[in-house]
Amino acid sequence: MAMLWDKLSQDIVTAMKAKDELALLVLRMAKASMTNTAIEKKKDRLDDAEVLEVLARQMKQRKESFDSFTQAGRAELAQKEQAEMAILARYLPAQLSTAELEGLVKAAIQESGAKVKADLGRVMAVLMPKVKGKADGKAVNQLIQSLLA
């Protein structure tokens, strides 16, 4: 059932034994976030889909921090965020390429019968279950808007 939860726990032990402090820090923060989410949902533990949601949230936070640090000229902090994103990326599904995403968006537009920007919600409803965890929602939204324009 919750194989990702177990893998993360095992990897925390591995990071401890290897004295990999960065991996240990990132994995412990992810595990704490997963545990808090499980408590909120009144569960003992999360299933893989819920674990992926938590990890995607963690990745998004680091991406935003990376962008902020880069804009502020704080290269050392940006590098740390990038290293943390690399650790989290091991647990997330591969991201869709722009071409793959564009194909899925075009198919969803056709499937939903969308014609104008006001139909964005219908397209998102069709598309998001197919790309969940594999593409950034913001990027998907922008692509849909550009194709409906």
C-alpha atoms as a PDB file:
ATOM      1  CA  MET A   1       0.000   0.000   0.000  1.00  0.00           C
ATOM      2  CA  ALA A   2       2.116   2.940   1.207  1.00  0.00           C
ATOM      3  CA  MET A   3       5.376   1.965  -0.432  1.00  0.00           C
ATOM      4  CA  LEU A   4       6.681   5.532  -0.777  1.00  0.00           C
ATOM      5  CA  TRP A   5       6.159   6.131   2.949  1.00  0.00           C
ATOM      6  CA  ASP A   6       8.283   3.048   3.720  1.00  0.00           C
ATOM      7  CA  LYS A   7      10.945   3.954   1.148  1.00  0.00           C
ATOM      8  CA  LEU A   8      11.292   7.424   2.655  1.00  0.00           C
ATOM      9  CA  SER A   9      11.664   5.927   6.147  1.00  0.00           C
ATOM     10  CA  GLN A  10      14.334   3.503   4.916  1.00  0.00           C
ATOM     11  CA  ASP A  11      16.160   6.307   3.116  1.00  0.00           C
ATOM     12  CA  ILE A  12      16.237   8.363   6.336  1.00  0.00           C
ATOM     13  CA  VAL A  13      18.057   5.472   8.042  1.00  0.00           C
ATOM     14  CA  THR A  14      20.419   5.139   5.057  1.00  0.00           C
ATOM     15  CA  ALA A  15      21.164   8.887   5.128  1.00  0.00           C
ATOM     16  CA  MET A  16      21.881   8.675   8.874  1.00  0.00           C
ATOM     17  CA  LYS A  17      24.306   5.793   8.394  1.00  0.00           C
ATOM     18  CA  ALA A  18      25.997   7.578   5.469  1.00  0.00           C
ATOM     19  CA  LYS A  19      26.154  10.817   7.495  1.00  0.00           C
ATOM     20  CA  ASP A  20      24.490  12.601   4.545  1.00  0.00           C
ATOM     21  CA  GLU A  21      23.231  15.593   6.505  1.00  0.00           C
ATOM     22  CA  LEU A  22      21.495  17.390   3.630  1.00  0.00           C
ATOM     23  CA  ALA A  23      19.525  14.295   2.564  1.00  0.00           C
ATOM     24  CA  LEU A  24      18.694  13.590   6.190  1.00  0.00           C
ATOM     25  CA  LEU A  25      17.401  17.144   6.703  1.00  0.00           C
ATOM     26  CA  VAL A  26      15.277  17.092   3.522  1.00  0.00           C
ATOM     27  CA  LEU A  27      13.854  13.623   4.139  1.00  0.00           C
ATOM     28  CA  ARG A  28      13.048  14.356   7.785  1.00  0.00           C
ATOM     29  CA  MET A  29      11.217  17.554   6.782  1.00  0.00           C
ATOM     30  CA  ALA A  30       9.272  15.626   4.132  1.00  0.00           C
ATOM     31  CA  LYS A  31       8.438  12.868   6.625  1.00  0.00           C
ATOM     32  CA  ALA A  32       7.280  15.436   9.203  1.00  0.00           C
ATOM     33  CA  SER A  33       5.060  17.074   6.605  1.00  0.00           C
ATOM     34  CA  MET A  34       3.661  13.655   5.638  1.00  0.00           C
ATOM     35  CA  THR A  35       2.983  12.804   9.290  1.00  0.00           C
ATOM     36  CA  ASN A  36       1.234  16.148   9.858  1.00  0.00           C
ATOM     37  CA  THR A  37      -0.915  15.600   6.771  1.00  0.00           C
ATOM     38  CA  ALA A  38      -1.804  12.084   7.989  1.00  0.00           C
ATOM     39  CA  ILE A  39      -2.842  13.521  11.367  1.00  0.00           C
ATOM     40  CA  GLU A  40      -4.969  16.190   9.640  1.00  0.00           C
ATOM     41  CA  LYS A  41      -6.676  13.451   7.610  1.00  0.00           C
ATOM     42  CA  LYS A  42      -7.093  11.326  10.766  1.00  0.00           C
ATOM     43  CA  LYS A  43      -5.078   8.452   9.274  1.00  0.00           C
ATOM     44  CA  ASP A  44      -2.147   6.403  10.552  1.00  0.00           C
ATOM     45  CA  ARG A  45      -0.276   6.976   7.297  1.00  0.00           C
ATOM     46  CA  LEU A  46      -0.791   8.299   3.793  1.00  0.00           C
ATOM     47  CA  ASP A  47      -1.135   6.262   0.620  1.00  0.00           C
ATOM     48  CA  ASP A  48       1.292   6.803  -2.257  1.00  0.00           C
ATOM     49  CA  ALA A  49      -0.902   9.392  -4.027  1.00  0.00           C
ATOM     50  CA  GLU A  50      -1.128  11.478  -0.855  1.00  0.00           C
ATOM     51  CA  VAL A  51       2.630  11.133  -0.238  1.00  0.00           C
ATOM     52  CA  LEU A  52       3.247  12.407  -3.780  1.00  0.00           C
ATOM     53  CA  GLU A  53       1.012  15.422  -3.083  1.00  0.00           C
ATOM     54  CA  VAL A  54       3.037  16.268   0.029  1.00  0.00           C
ATOM     55  CA  LEU A  55       6.335  15.826  -1.820  1.00  0.00           C
ATOM     56  CA  ALA A  56       5.092  17.967  -4.724  1.00  0.00           C
ATOM     57  CA  ARG A  57       4.198  20.708  -2.218  1.00  0.00           C
ATOM     58  CA  GLN A  58       7.683  20.458  -0.706  1.00  0.00           C
ATOM     59  CA  MET A  59       9.221  20.665  -4.192  1.00  0.00           C
ATOM     60  CA  LYS A  60       7.104  23.709  -5.086  1.00  0.00           C
ATOM     61  CA  GLN A  61       8.192  25.514  -1.891  1.00  0.00           C
ATOM     62  CA  ARG A  62      11.834  24.881  -2.703  1.00  0.00           C
ATOM     63  CA  LYS A  63      11.377  26.009  -6.310  1.00  0.00           C
ATOM     64  CA  GLU A  64       9.829  29.273  -5.096  1.00  0.00           C
ATOM     65  CA  SER A  65      12.689  29.752  -2.605  1.00  0.00           C
ATOM     66  CA  PHE A  66      15.220  28.961  -5.333  1.00  0.00           C
ATOM     67  CA  ASP A  67      13.665  31.589  -7.614  1.00  0.00           C
ATOM     68  CA  SER A  68      13.609  34.176  -4.799  1.00  0.00           C
ATOM     69  CA  PHE A  69      17.227  33.529  -3.827  1.00  0.00           C
ATOM     70  CA  THR A  70      18.339  33.644  -7.459  1.00  0.00           C
ATOM     71  CA  GLN A  71      16.607  36.998  -8.026  1.00  0.00           C
ATOM     72  CA  ALA A  72      18.131  38.346  -4.804  1.00  0.00           C
ATOM     73  CA  GLY A  73      21.624  37.282  -5.913  1.00  0.00           C
ATOM     74  CA  ARG A  74      22.010  34.799  -3.041  1.00  0.00           C
ATOM     75  CA  ALA A  75      23.771  32.059  -5.004  1.00  0.00           C
ATOM     76  CA  GLU A  76      24.789  29.933  -1.984  1.00  0.00           C
ATOM     77  CA  LEU A  77      21.188  29.722  -0.720  1.00  0.00           C
ATOM     78  CA  ALA A  78      19.888  29.054  -4.242  1.00  0.00           C
ATOM     79  CA  GLN A  79      22.375  26.168  -4.587  1.00  0.00           C
ATOM     80  CA  LYS A  80      21.186  24.660  -1.300  1.00  0.00           C
ATOM     81  CA  GLU A  81      17.560  24.802  -2.499  1.00  0.00           C
ATOM     82  CA  GLN A  82      18.604  23.208  -5.802  1.00  0.00           C
ATOM     83  CA  ALA A  83      20.370  20.374  -3.949  1.00  0.00           C
ATOM     84  CA  GLU A  84      17.246  19.816  -1.828  1.00  0.00           C
ATOM     85  CA  MET A  85      15.071  19.739  -4.979  1.00  0.00           C
ATOM     86  CA  ALA A  86      17.372  17.062  -6.443  1.00  0.00           C
ATOM     87  CA  ILE A  87      16.809  14.891  -3.360  1.00  0.00           C
ATOM     88  CA  LEU A  88      13.021  15.302  -3.524  1.00  0.00           C
ATOM     89  CA  ALA A  89      12.988  14.662  -7.286  1.00  0.00           C
ATOM     90  CA  ARG A  90      14.053  11.047  -6.624  1.00  0.00           C
ATOM     91  CA  TYR A  91      10.587  10.356  -5.203  1.00  0.00           C
ATOM     92  CA  LEU A  92       8.462  12.244  -7.717  1.00  0.00           C
ATOM     93  CA  PRO A  93       7.332  10.949 -11.106  1.00  0.00           C
ATOM     94  CA  ALA A  94       9.216  12.251 -14.141  1.00  0.00           C
ATOM     95  CA  GLN A  95       7.934  15.631 -15.323  1.00  0.00           C
ATOM     96  CA  LEU A  96       6.245  15.845 -18.722  1.00  0.00           C
ATOM     97  CA  SER A  97       8.145  17.556 -21.508  1.00  0.00           C
ATOM     98  CA  THR A  98       6.644  20.710 -23.034  1.00  0.00           C
ATOM     99  CA  ALA A  99       5.701  18.778 -26.187  1.00  0.00           C
ATOM    100  CA  GLU A 100       4.005  15.962 -24.194  1.00  0.00           C
ATOM    101  CA  LEU A 101       2.139  18.494 -22.063  1.00  0.00           C
ATOM    102  CA  GLU A 102       1.028  20.474 -25.108  1.00  0.00           C
ATOM    103  CA  GLY A 103      -0.355  17.283 -26.697  1.00  0.00           C
ATOM    104  CA  LEU A 104      -2.310  16.437 -23.557  1.00  0.00           C
ATOM    105  CA  VAL A 105      -3.639  20.006 -23.300  1.00  0.00           C
ATOM    106  CA  LYS A 106      -4.815  19.971 -26.947  1.00  0.00           C
ATOM    107  CA  ALA A 107      -6.546  16.613 -26.379  1.00  0.00           C
ATOM    108  CA  ALA A 108      -8.226  17.938 -23.208  1.00  0.00           C
ATOM    109  CA  ILE A 109      -9.403  21.078 -25.016  1.00  0.00           C
ATOM    110  CA  GLN A 110     -10.939  18.904 -27.722  1.00  0.00           C
ATOM    111  CA  GLU A 111     -12.457  16.476 -25.198  1.00  0.00           C
ATOM    112  CA  SER A 112     -14.023  19.288 -23.125  1.00  0.00           C
ATOM    113  CA  GLY A 113     -15.250  21.208 -26.173  1.00  0.00           C
ATOM    114  CA  ALA A 114     -13.588  24.393 -24.905  1.00  0.00           C
ATOM    115  CA  LYS A 115     -13.479  27.348 -27.267  1.00  0.00           C
ATOM    116  CA  VAL A 116     -12.704  30.459 -25.185  1.00  0.00           C
ATOM    117  CA  LYS A 117     -10.645  31.368 -22.097  1.00  0.00           C
ATOM    118  CA  ALA A 118     -13.819  31.197 -19.983  1.00  0.00           C
ATOM    119  CA  ASP A 119     -13.789  27.406 -20.578  1.00  0.00           C
ATOM    120  CA  LEU A 120     -10.457  27.085 -18.711  1.00  0.00           C
ATOM    121  CA  GLY A 121     -12.074  25.328 -15.741  1.00  0.00           C
ATOM    122  CA  ARG A 122     -13.608  22.608 -17.939  1.00  0.00           C
ATOM    123  CA  VAL A 123     -10.232  21.910 -19.560  1.00  0.00           C
ATOM    124  CA  MET A 124      -8.438  21.845 -16.183  1.00  0.00           C
ATOM    125  CA  ALA A 125     -11.035  19.379 -14.834  1.00  0.00           C
ATOM    126  CA  VAL A 126     -10.335  16.996 -17.732  1.00  0.00           C
ATOM    127  CA  LEU A 127      -6.570  17.485 -17.758  1.00  0.00           C
ATOM    128  CA  MET A 128      -5.388  17.682 -14.137  1.00  0.00           C
ATOM    129  CA  PRO A 129      -6.110  14.037 -13.198  1.00  0.00           C
ATOM    130  CA  LYS A 130      -3.895  12.990 -16.140  1.00  0.00           C
ATOM    131  CA  VAL A 131      -0.957  15.270 -15.302  1.00  0.00           C
ATOM    132  CA  LYS A 132      -1.156  15.387 -11.491  1.00  0.00           C
ATOM    133  CA  GLY A 133       2.375  15.320 -10.103  1.00  0.00           C
ATOM    134  CA  LYS A 134       3.885  15.287 -13.597  1.00  0.00           C
ATOM    135  CA  ALA A 135       3.403  18.971 -14.444  1.00  0.00           C
ATOM    136  CA  ASP A 136       3.147  22.256 -12.570  1.00  0.00           C
ATOM    137  CA  GLY A 137      -0.465  23.438 -12.366  1.00  0.00           C
ATOM    138  CA  LYS A 138       0.568  27.028 -13.056  1.00  0.00           C
ATOM    139  CA  ALA A 139       2.380  26.022 -16.260  1.00  0.00           C
ATOM    140  CA  VAL A 140      -0.625  23.925 -17.343  1.00  0.00           C
ATOM    141  CA  ASN A 141      -2.956  26.859 -16.712  1.00  0.00           C
ATOM    142  CA  GLN A 142      -0.779  29.254 -18.758  1.00  0.00           C
ATOM    143  CA  LEU A 143      -0.517  26.770 -21.633  1.00  0.00           C
ATOM    144  CA  ILE A 144      -4.287  26.269 -21.737  1.00  0.00           C
ATOM    145  CA  GLN A 145      -4.855  30.036 -21.744  1.00  0.00           C
ATOM    146  CA  SER A 146      -2.385  30.549 -24.602  1.00  0.00           C
ATOM    147  CA  LEU A 147      -4.013  27.789 -26.686  1.00  0.00           C
ATOM    148  CA  LEU A 148      -7.549  29.124 -26.030  1.00  0.00           C
ATOM    149  CA  ALA A 149      -6.564  32.705 -26.913  1.00  0.00           C
END
